[in-house]
Amino acid sequence: MTDALDEADSTYLRRAIALSQLARWHGNHPFGALLVTGGGRVVEAENTVITDHDVTAHAETNFVRLAWREVDAAELPASTLFTSCEPCAMCCGAIFWAGVGRVVYALSGKGLIALAGPEDGLDLPSREVFARGGRSTIVSGPHREDEAARAHLDFWS
């Protein structure tokens, strides 16, 4: 299910896509994420799985660690997480436990699997994971898949 993005959402999603390219340039998997609070504060993170030698250091889990240090937890339900790719099940859990109210993603999980191959994917859509939670998490995406896919070209081969 996709829905239209307003200008601000589109700008933030493009920044998440740019962060994915930065992660790749820094020697990591090409994923980026940023949080925008209701007050307009921005927290950015990129994937650091390779450089941190930590398989859990996805952009979204890195963002959750940062956000819990830098943002009042009471702000998170009114905040939006923008991410270059649909969050995996692990990241969805972290996002849910952090209390983020809305997630907007670019490349779908299925799109990532098509680029990376089935051995590098977990085909469990974020909407399904969030639907199992006890509170609502709004999910919007995929958006700008072709744009988001560029950082992955020739990465997974």
Protein backbone atom coordinates (compact mmCIF):
# COMPACT_ATOMS: atom_id res chain seq x y z
CA MET A 1 0.00 0.00 0.00
CA THR A 2 1.46 3.34 -1.00
CA ASP A 3 0.13 6.79 -0.29
CA ALA A 4 1.19 10.20 -1.45
CA LEU A 5 4.01 12.00 0.31
CA ASP A 6 3.91 15.69 1.04
CA GLU A 7 6.92 17.85 0.21
CA ALA A 8 8.49 17.60 3.66
CA ASP A 9 8.09 13.79 3.78
CA SER A 10 9.62 13.52 0.33
CA THR A 11 12.61 15.63 1.40
CA TYR A 12 13.21 13.52 4.51
CA LEU A 13 12.85 10.27 2.58
CA ARG A 14 15.41 11.48 0.05
CA ARG A 15 17.76 12.26 2.94
CA ALA A 16 17.33 8.67 4.23
CA ILE A 17 18.22 7.44 0.74
CA ALA A 18 21.30 9.70 0.75
CA LEU A 19 22.29 8.22 4.13
CA SER A 20 22.12 4.75 2.55
CA GLN A 21 24.68 5.84 -0.04
CA LEU A 22 26.86 7.29 2.75
CA ALA A 23 26.70 3.96 4.60
CA ARG A 24 27.92 2.22 1.46
CA TRP A 25 30.74 4.75 1.01
CA HIS A 26 31.70 4.14 4.65
CA GLY A 27 32.08 0.42 3.91
CA ASN A 28 28.71 -0.81 5.15
CA HIS A 29 25.46 -2.14 3.75
CA PRO A 30 23.51 0.62 1.95
CA PHE A 31 20.80 1.54 4.45
CA GLY A 32 19.98 4.87 6.08
CA ALA A 33 17.33 6.17 8.47
CA LEU A 34 16.32 9.38 10.14
CA LEU A 35 13.76 10.39 12.73
CA VAL A 36 11.85 13.64 12.66
CA THR A 37 10.15 14.56 15.92
CA GLY A 38 6.91 16.52 16.11
CA GLY A 39 9.04 19.53 17.07
CA GLY A 40 11.21 19.16 13.96
CA ARG A 41 14.30 17.68 15.58
CA VAL A 42 16.19 15.27 13.30
CA VAL A 43 18.25 12.23 14.36
CA GLU A 44 20.16 10.44 11.58
CA ALA A 45 21.74 6.99 11.44
CA GLU A 46 23.25 4.71 8.87
CA ASN A 47 24.01 1.02 8.76
CA THR A 48 27.30 0.10 10.49
CA VAL A 49 27.13 -3.71 10.40
CA ILE A 50 30.54 -4.17 8.78
CA THR A 51 32.54 -1.39 10.44
CA ASP A 52 31.10 -2.14 13.91
CA HIS A 53 31.30 -5.94 13.44
CA ASP A 54 27.71 -6.11 14.73
CA VAL A 55 24.98 -7.84 12.72
CA THR A 56 22.36 -5.87 14.66
CA ALA A 57 23.80 -2.47 13.64
CA HIS A 58 21.15 -1.80 11.01
CA ALA A 59 20.34 1.86 10.33
CA GLU A 60 17.06 1.56 12.23
CA THR A 61 18.51 -0.12 15.31
CA ASN A 62 21.33 2.43 15.33
CA PHE A 63 18.70 5.16 15.13
CA VAL A 64 16.79 3.65 18.09
CA ARG A 65 19.96 3.64 20.22
CA LEU A 66 20.64 7.29 19.32
CA ALA A 67 17.06 8.42 19.74
CA TRP A 68 16.79 6.92 23.22
CA ARG A 69 19.86 8.92 24.24
CA GLU A 70 18.94 12.18 22.48
CA VAL A 71 15.13 12.43 22.33
CA ASP A 72 12.60 12.41 25.15
CA ALA A 73 10.70 9.11 24.86
CA ALA A 74 7.43 11.05 25.14
CA GLU A 75 8.19 12.63 21.73
CA LEU A 76 8.55 9.34 19.85
CA PRO A 77 4.85 8.48 19.33
CA ALA A 78 4.40 11.77 17.42
CA SER A 79 7.63 11.22 15.46
CA THR A 80 8.23 9.78 11.99
CA LEU A 81 11.03 7.44 11.02
CA PHE A 82 12.11 7.75 7.37
CA THR A 83 14.13 4.83 6.10
CA SER A 84 15.74 3.97 2.78
CA CYS A 85 14.37 0.42 2.89
CA GLU A 86 11.44 -1.33 4.52
CA PRO A 87 12.53 -2.27 8.05
CA CYS A 88 13.25 -5.94 8.69
CA ALA A 89 11.51 -7.84 11.49
CA MET A 90 14.34 -7.11 13.95
CA CYS A 91 14.22 -3.40 13.20
CA CYS A 92 10.43 -3.34 13.40
CA GLY A 93 10.71 -4.74 16.91
CA ALA A 94 13.18 -2.03 17.90
CA ILE A 95 11.01 0.68 16.30
CA PHE A 96 7.92 -0.67 18.07
CA TRP A 97 9.62 -0.88 21.47
CA ALA A 98 10.99 2.64 21.01
CA GLY A 99 7.41 3.83 20.51
CA VAL A 100 7.80 5.52 17.11
CA GLY A 101 4.36 6.34 15.75
CA ARG A 102 4.98 6.41 12.00
CA VAL A 103 7.37 4.77 9.54
CA VAL A 104 7.91 5.90 5.94
CA TYR A 105 10.13 3.74 3.75
CA ALA A 106 11.50 3.81 0.21
CA LEU A 107 12.59 0.39 -1.14
CA SER A 108 10.27 -2.48 -0.26
CA GLY A 109 11.53 -5.67 1.34
CA LYS A 110 10.55 -7.56 -1.81
CA GLY A 111 12.48 -5.01 -3.89
CA LEU A 112 15.54 -5.56 -1.71
CA ILE A 113 15.26 -9.33 -2.04
CA ALA A 114 15.08 -8.92 -5.84
CA LEU A 115 18.36 -6.95 -5.71
CA ALA A 116 20.21 -8.89 -3.01
CA GLY A 117 18.86 -12.38 -3.54
CA PRO A 118 16.66 -14.54 -1.32
CA GLU A 119 19.55 -15.65 0.90
CA ASP A 120 20.03 -12.03 2.03
CA GLY A 121 16.38 -11.31 2.80
CA LEU A 122 13.69 -12.04 5.32
CA ASP A 123 10.36 -11.84 3.52
CA LEU A 124 8.21 -10.56 6.38
CA PRO A 125 6.57 -7.22 5.54
CA SER A 126 6.82 -4.52 8.20
CA ARG A 127 3.06 -3.98 8.19
CA GLU A 128 2.60 -7.59 9.32
CA VAL A 129 5.09 -7.19 12.17
CA PHE A 130 3.61 -3.89 13.36
CA ALA A 131 0.05 -5.28 13.09
CA ARG A 132 0.95 -7.78 15.82
CA GLY A 133 1.81 -4.98 18.26
CA GLY A 134 -0.44 -3.72 20.98
CA ARG A 135 -0.37 -0.14 19.65
CA SER A 136 -0.73 1.35 16.23
CA THR A 137 2.30 2.10 14.07
CA ILE A 138 1.41 3.90 10.83
CA VAL A 139 3.37 2.55 7.85
CA SER A 140 3.73 4.34 4.51
CA GLY A 141 5.60 2.88 1.59
CA PRO A 142 7.12 1.88 -0.64
CA HIS A 143 8.03 5.25 -2.15
CA ARG A 144 10.82 6.19 -4.59
CA GLU A 145 11.91 2.58 -5.01
CA ASP A 146 13.98 3.21 -8.13
CA GLU A 147 15.84 6.01 -6.35
CA ALA A 148 16.46 3.91 -3.25
CA ALA A 149 17.60 0.91 -5.30
CA ARG A 150 20.54 2.82 -6.81
CA ALA A 151 22.67 2.49 -3.66
CA HIS A 152 22.23 -1.31 -3.87
CA LEU A 153 23.26 -1.72 -7.52
CA ASP A 154 26.32 -3.99 -7.75
CA PHE A 155 26.56 -4.12 -3.95
CA TRP A 156 25.14 -7.58 -3.33
CA SER A 157 26.85 -9.40 -6.23
